[in-house]
Structure formats: structure tokens, C-alpha cells
N, C-alpha and C. Protein backbone atom coordinates (compact mmCIF):
# COMPACT_ATOMS: atom_id res chain seq x y z
N UNK A 1 0.82 -1.20 0.00
CA UNK A 1 0.00 0.00 0.00
C UNK A 1 0.86 1.26 0.00
N UNK A 2 2.11 1.15 0.42
CA UNK A 2 3.02 2.29 0.42
C UNK A 2 4.25 1.96 -0.38
N UNK A 3 5.25 2.83 -0.31
CA UNK A 3 6.47 2.57 -1.07
C UNK A 3 7.22 1.36 -0.50
N UNK A 4 7.95 0.68 -1.37
CA UNK A 4 8.79 -0.43 -0.94
C UNK A 4 10.13 0.13 -0.50
N UNK A 5 10.59 -0.30 0.66
CA UNK A 5 11.86 0.16 1.19
C UNK A 5 12.82 -1.02 1.28
N UNK A 6 14.05 -0.83 0.83
CA UNK A 6 15.07 -1.85 0.90
C UNK A 6 16.11 -1.41 1.91
N UNK A 7 16.33 -2.22 2.91
CA UNK A 7 17.27 -1.90 3.98
C UNK A 7 18.49 -2.79 3.83
N UNK A 8 19.68 -2.20 3.66
CA UNK A 8 20.88 -3.02 3.50
C UNK A 8 21.30 -3.75 4.77
N UNK A 9 20.81 -3.32 5.93
CA UNK A 9 21.13 -4.02 7.19
C UNK A 9 20.28 -5.26 7.29
N UNK A 10 20.90 -6.40 7.40
CA UNK A 10 20.15 -7.65 7.44
C UNK A 10 19.95 -8.18 8.86
N UNK A 11 20.75 -7.68 9.83
CA UNK A 11 20.55 -8.14 11.20
C UNK A 11 19.33 -7.42 11.80
N UNK A 12 18.71 -8.02 12.80
CA UNK A 12 17.54 -7.39 13.42
C UNK A 12 17.89 -6.01 13.99
N UNK A 13 17.06 -5.03 13.67
CA UNK A 13 17.22 -3.68 14.20
C UNK A 13 15.89 -2.95 14.08
N UNK A 14 15.82 -1.76 14.65
CA UNK A 14 14.56 -1.03 14.73
C UNK A 14 14.65 0.27 13.93
N UNK A 15 13.48 0.91 13.73
CA UNK A 15 13.42 2.08 12.86
C UNK A 15 12.63 3.23 13.48
N UNK A 16 12.98 4.44 13.03
CA UNK A 16 12.22 5.66 13.29
C UNK A 16 11.61 6.07 11.95
N UNK A 17 10.36 6.49 11.96
CA UNK A 17 9.69 6.91 10.73
C UNK A 17 9.04 8.26 10.95
N UNK A 18 9.43 9.25 10.13
CA UNK A 18 8.84 10.58 10.24
C UNK A 18 7.49 10.58 9.52
N UNK A 19 6.46 10.99 10.22
CA UNK A 19 5.12 11.00 9.64
C UNK A 19 4.90 12.19 8.72
N UNK A 20 5.82 13.15 8.74
CA UNK A 20 5.66 14.32 7.88
C UNK A 20 6.42 14.17 6.55
N UNK A 21 7.71 13.88 6.60
CA UNK A 21 8.51 13.80 5.37
C UNK A 21 8.73 12.38 4.88
N UNK A 22 8.44 11.38 5.73
CA UNK A 22 8.59 9.98 5.34
C UNK A 22 9.98 9.41 5.56
N UNK A 23 10.89 10.20 6.13
CA UNK A 23 12.26 9.73 6.37
C UNK A 23 12.23 8.51 7.29
N UNK A 24 13.06 7.50 6.98
CA UNK A 24 13.21 6.31 7.80
C UNK A 24 14.66 6.26 8.27
N UNK A 25 14.87 6.06 9.57
CA UNK A 25 16.21 5.97 10.13
C UNK A 25 16.30 4.74 11.02
N UNK A 26 17.49 4.14 11.07
CA UNK A 26 17.73 3.07 12.02
C UNK A 26 17.85 3.68 13.41
N UNK A 27 17.44 2.94 14.41
CA UNK A 27 17.60 3.37 15.80
C UNK A 27 18.20 2.20 16.58
N UNK A 28 19.20 2.50 17.36
CA UNK A 28 19.83 1.48 18.21
C UNK A 28 19.17 1.52 19.58
N UNK A 29 18.48 0.46 19.94
CA UNK A 29 17.81 0.40 21.23
C UNK A 29 17.54 -1.06 21.59
N UNK A 30 17.65 -1.36 22.86
CA UNK A 30 17.27 -2.69 23.32
C UNK A 30 15.75 -2.76 23.37
N UNK A 31 15.22 -3.90 23.00
CA UNK A 31 13.77 -4.09 22.98
C UNK A 31 13.48 -5.54 23.32
N UNK A 32 12.69 -5.78 24.35
CA UNK A 32 12.32 -7.14 24.74
C UNK A 32 11.08 -7.53 23.95
N UNK A 33 11.26 -8.43 22.99
CA UNK A 33 10.16 -8.85 22.13
C UNK A 33 9.36 -10.00 22.73
N UNK A 34 9.73 -10.43 23.93
CA UNK A 34 9.05 -11.58 24.53
C UNK A 34 7.55 -11.39 24.69
N UNK A 35 7.13 -10.22 25.14
CA UNK A 35 5.70 -9.97 25.35
C UNK A 35 4.89 -10.07 24.06
N UNK A 36 5.28 -9.35 23.01
CA UNK A 36 4.53 -9.45 21.75
C UNK A 36 4.56 -10.86 21.14
N UNK A 37 5.68 -11.56 21.28
CA UNK A 37 5.77 -12.93 20.73
C UNK A 37 4.83 -13.86 21.48
N UNK A 38 4.81 -13.77 22.80
CA UNK A 38 3.92 -14.63 23.59
C UNK A 38 2.45 -14.30 23.31
N UNK A 39 2.12 -13.01 23.16
CA UNK A 39 0.73 -12.63 22.84
C UNK A 39 0.33 -13.19 21.48
N UNK A 40 1.25 -13.15 20.53
CA UNK A 40 0.96 -13.72 19.21
C UNK A 40 0.71 -15.22 19.30
N UNK A 41 1.52 -15.91 20.08
CA UNK A 41 1.34 -17.36 20.24
C UNK A 41 0.00 -17.68 20.90
N UNK A 42 -0.38 -16.90 21.89
CA UNK A 42 -1.68 -17.12 22.56
C UNK A 42 -2.84 -16.92 21.59
N UNK A 43 -2.63 -16.07 20.59
CA UNK A 43 -3.66 -15.81 19.59
C UNK A 43 -3.64 -16.86 18.47
N UNK A 44 -2.75 -17.86 18.58
CA UNK A 44 -2.68 -18.90 17.57
C UNK A 44 -1.76 -18.57 16.41
N UNK A 45 -1.02 -17.48 16.53
CA UNK A 45 -0.11 -17.04 15.48
C UNK A 45 1.25 -17.70 15.70
N UNK A 46 1.98 -18.01 14.65
CA UNK A 46 3.32 -18.57 14.75
C UNK A 46 4.32 -17.48 14.38
N UNK A 47 4.81 -16.71 15.36
CA UNK A 47 5.69 -15.58 15.06
C UNK A 47 7.06 -16.02 14.55
N UNK A 48 7.59 -15.25 13.65
CA UNK A 48 8.94 -15.48 13.11
C UNK A 48 9.89 -14.35 13.46
N UNK A 49 9.37 -13.23 13.91
CA UNK A 49 10.22 -12.10 14.27
C UNK A 49 9.37 -10.92 14.69
N UNK A 50 10.04 -9.94 15.28
CA UNK A 50 9.37 -8.73 15.74
C UNK A 50 10.20 -7.53 15.29
N UNK A 51 9.53 -6.49 14.81
CA UNK A 51 10.21 -5.25 14.46
C UNK A 51 9.55 -4.12 15.25
N UNK A 52 10.37 -3.17 15.67
CA UNK A 52 9.86 -2.00 16.38
C UNK A 52 9.95 -0.80 15.45
N UNK A 53 8.84 -0.09 15.28
CA UNK A 53 8.80 1.12 14.48
C UNK A 53 8.30 2.26 15.36
N UNK A 54 9.13 3.28 15.52
CA UNK A 54 8.75 4.46 16.29
C UNK A 54 8.36 5.54 15.29
N UNK A 55 7.13 6.03 15.36
CA UNK A 55 6.68 7.07 14.43
C UNK A 55 6.59 8.40 15.15
N UNK A 56 6.76 9.46 14.39
CA UNK A 56 6.72 10.82 14.94
C UNK A 56 7.34 11.77 13.95
N UNK A 57 8.02 12.80 14.44
CA UNK A 57 8.66 13.78 13.58
C UNK A 57 10.18 13.70 13.71
N UNK A 58 10.88 13.68 12.56
CA UNK A 58 12.33 13.68 12.58
C UNK A 58 12.80 15.04 13.08
N UNK A 59 14.09 15.16 13.38
CA UNK A 59 14.63 16.41 13.92
C UNK A 59 14.38 17.58 12.97
N UNK A 60 14.56 17.34 11.67
CA UNK A 60 14.37 18.43 10.69
C UNK A 60 12.92 18.93 10.68
N UNK A 61 11.96 18.01 10.70
CA UNK A 61 10.56 18.42 10.66
C UNK A 61 10.10 18.99 12.00
N UNK A 62 10.60 18.46 13.10
CA UNK A 62 10.19 18.93 14.41
C UNK A 62 10.71 20.34 14.70
N UNK A 63 11.87 20.67 14.14
CA UNK A 63 12.50 21.97 14.44
C UNK A 63 12.62 22.85 13.21
N UNK A 64 11.98 22.40 12.11
CA UNK A 64 12.10 23.01 10.81
C UNK A 64 11.84 24.42 10.67
């Protein structure tokens, strides 16, 4: 439904997404995916991975 994005980083990592300009950035942060994975399993889903996406305004748009 949106643009296709290709990320050269293949190891698990998280992203920031600007809702105004559409900029996507990697973010380094620890994230415990245990809760979402267990909730998915309880719902009958077979999870293969979890990604964290933080949405908001990038520095340029927030202070533009």
C-alpha cells in the first residue's frame, strides 16, 4: 500500500519513521520482544520475528 523500502542491514534492528517527510532511520535500542511474541502465540499465530517502528517527527521536521 506504500512505497517499498530496501534496507541493506540484514541483522535485526529497529526504525524511526517521520510521519511528515517519510524519512526512515535506524535506531539502536534494546527491545524485549518476549511480550509481543507470547501474545501472538496465545492468539494462535506462529511468530517469526518482531520489528519495532517508532513514528513521529524527525529532527528536521520537528524543528524546521
